[in-house]
Amino acid sequence: MSQIRPKPSSPCTKLCLLDAATGLCEGCGRTRDEIALWGSMSEPQRRAVMATLEGRLRAAYPARIPAGAAPCG
């Protein structure tokens, strides 16, 4: 009998657009390398990256993200 494994967490917002200036996905805030490695990361590694995304997006696009708002995920 196989165990059902929970779906890995992901900050993906389905707005996948890498910004050439910042190197970040404009939807979730991950880098190209983080996106590529996401499937091989452990859940603690994913959560550690996700903990940085709001700050990254706020720093990269201060006019777009209101204070207190968090990216979807």
C-alpha atoms as a PDB file:
ATOM      1  CA  MET A   1       0.000   0.000   0.000  1.00  0.00           C
ATOM      2  CA  SER A   2       1.471   3.357  -0.996  1.00  0.00           C
ATOM      3  CA  GLN A   3       1.407   6.387   1.231  1.00  0.00           C
ATOM      4  CA  ILE A   4      -0.107   9.602  -0.035  1.00  0.00           C
ATOM      5  CA  ARG A   5       2.525  12.297   0.235  1.00  0.00           C
ATOM      6  CA  PRO A   6       1.456  15.890   0.770  1.00  0.00           C
ATOM      7  CA  LYS A   7       1.977  18.267  -2.119  1.00  0.00           C
ATOM      8  CA  PRO A   8       5.230  20.215  -1.634  1.00  0.00           C
ATOM      9  CA  SER A   9       4.713  23.812  -0.637  1.00  0.00           C
ATOM     10  CA  SER A  10       5.203  26.395  -3.346  1.00  0.00           C
ATOM     11  CA  PRO A  11       4.994  30.172  -3.549  1.00  0.00           C
ATOM     12  CA  CYS A  12       4.099  30.013  -7.250  1.00  0.00           C
ATOM     13  CA  THR A  13       1.404  32.508  -8.247  1.00  0.00           C
ATOM     14  CA  LYS A  14       1.238  31.326 -11.876  1.00  0.00           C
ATOM     15  CA  LEU A  15       2.699  34.700 -12.923  1.00  0.00           C
ATOM     16  CA  CYS A  16       6.024  33.425 -14.192  1.00  0.00           C
ATOM     17  CA  LEU A  17       8.062  36.328 -15.496  1.00  0.00           C
ATOM     18  CA  LEU A  18      11.757  36.602 -14.724  1.00  0.00           C
ATOM     19  CA  ASP A  19      12.897  40.208 -14.383  1.00  0.00           C
ATOM     20  CA  ALA A  20      16.241  40.674 -16.146  1.00  0.00           C
ATOM     21  CA  ALA A  21      17.220  43.546 -13.837  1.00  0.00           C
ATOM     22  CA  THR A  22      16.533  41.820 -10.506  1.00  0.00           C
ATOM     23  CA  GLY A  23      16.838  38.164 -11.511  1.00  0.00           C
ATOM     24  CA  LEU A  24      13.601  37.465  -9.642  1.00  0.00           C
ATOM     25  CA  CYS A  25      10.338  35.979 -10.776  1.00  0.00           C
ATOM     26  CA  GLU A  26       7.903  38.888 -10.630  1.00  0.00           C
ATOM     27  CA  GLY A  27       5.145  36.565  -9.411  1.00  0.00           C
ATOM     28  CA  CYS A  28       6.787  34.713  -6.529  1.00  0.00           C
ATOM     29  CA  GLY A  29      10.180  36.339  -5.951  1.00  0.00           C
ATOM     30  CA  ARG A  30      12.299  33.228  -6.484  1.00  0.00           C
ATOM     31  CA  THR A  31      15.458  33.233  -8.559  1.00  0.00           C
ATOM     32  CA  ARG A  32      15.854  31.133 -11.693  1.00  0.00           C
ATOM     33  CA  ASP A  33      18.093  28.702  -9.771  1.00  0.00           C
ATOM     34  CA  GLU A  34      15.594  28.355  -6.916  1.00  0.00           C
ATOM     35  CA  ILE A  35      12.791  27.641  -9.371  1.00  0.00           C
ATOM     36  CA  ALA A  36      14.922  25.027 -11.148  1.00  0.00           C
ATOM     37  CA  LEU A  37      15.939  23.322  -7.897  1.00  0.00           C
ATOM     38  CA  TRP A  38      12.537  23.567  -6.179  1.00  0.00           C
ATOM     39  CA  GLY A  39      11.524  19.963  -6.839  1.00  0.00           C
ATOM     40  CA  SER A  40      14.740  18.604  -5.350  1.00  0.00           C
ATOM     41  CA  MET A  41      14.696  20.813  -2.240  1.00  0.00           C
ATOM     42  CA  SER A  42      13.560  19.466   1.097  1.00  0.00           C
ATOM     43  CA  GLU A  43      10.466  20.981   2.690  1.00  0.00           C
ATOM     44  CA  PRO A  44      12.599  22.869   5.278  1.00  0.00           C
ATOM     45  CA  GLN A  45      14.708  24.309   2.442  1.00  0.00           C
ATOM     46  CA  ARG A  46      11.577  25.416   0.583  1.00  0.00           C
ATOM     47  CA  ARG A  47      10.163  27.038   3.700  1.00  0.00           C
ATOM     48  CA  ALA A  48      13.461  28.859   4.318  1.00  0.00           C
ATOM     49  CA  VAL A  49      13.367  30.316   0.799  1.00  0.00           C
ATOM     50  CA  MET A  50       9.678  31.195   1.117  1.00  0.00           C
ATOM     51  CA  ALA A  51      10.430  33.118   4.317  1.00  0.00           C
ATOM     52  CA  THR A  52      12.601  35.532   2.293  1.00  0.00           C
ATOM     53  CA  LEU A  53      10.254  36.152  -0.633  1.00  0.00           C
ATOM     54  CA  GLU A  54       8.079  38.931   0.763  1.00  0.00           C
ATOM     55  CA  GLY A  55      11.166  40.991   1.607  1.00  0.00           C
ATOM     56  CA  ARG A  56      12.726  40.331  -1.786  1.00  0.00           C
ATOM     57  CA  LEU A  57       9.625  41.415  -3.663  1.00  0.00           C
ATOM     58  CA  ARG A  58       9.170  44.467  -1.450  1.00  0.00           C
ATOM     59  CA  ALA A  59      12.798  45.528  -2.012  1.00  0.00           C
ATOM     60  CA  ALA A  60      12.672  44.883  -5.759  1.00  0.00           C
ATOM     61  CA  TYR A  61       9.257  46.464  -6.379  1.00  0.00           C
ATOM     62  CA  PRO A  62       8.493  48.828  -3.468  1.00  0.00           C
ATOM     63  CA  ALA A  63       5.663  50.615  -5.268  1.00  0.00           C
ATOM     64  CA  ARG A  64       3.809  47.408  -6.164  1.00  0.00           C
ATOM     65  CA  ILE A  65       3.479  45.650  -2.818  1.00  0.00           C
ATOM     66  CA  PRO A  66       1.651  47.502  -0.040  1.00  0.00           C
ATOM     67  CA  ALA A  67       3.025  47.230   3.478  1.00  0.00           C
ATOM     68  CA  GLY A  68       1.668  44.160   5.246  1.00  0.00           C
ATOM     69  CA  ALA A  69       0.708  42.403   2.024  1.00  0.00           C
ATOM     70  CA  ALA A  70       2.331  39.053   1.377  1.00  0.00           C
ATOM     71  CA  PRO A  71       2.793  37.247  -1.925  1.00  0.00           C
ATOM     72  CA  CYS A  72       0.427  34.355  -2.470  1.00  0.00           C
ATOM     73  CA  GLY A  73       1.709  30.929  -1.739  1.00  0.00           C
END
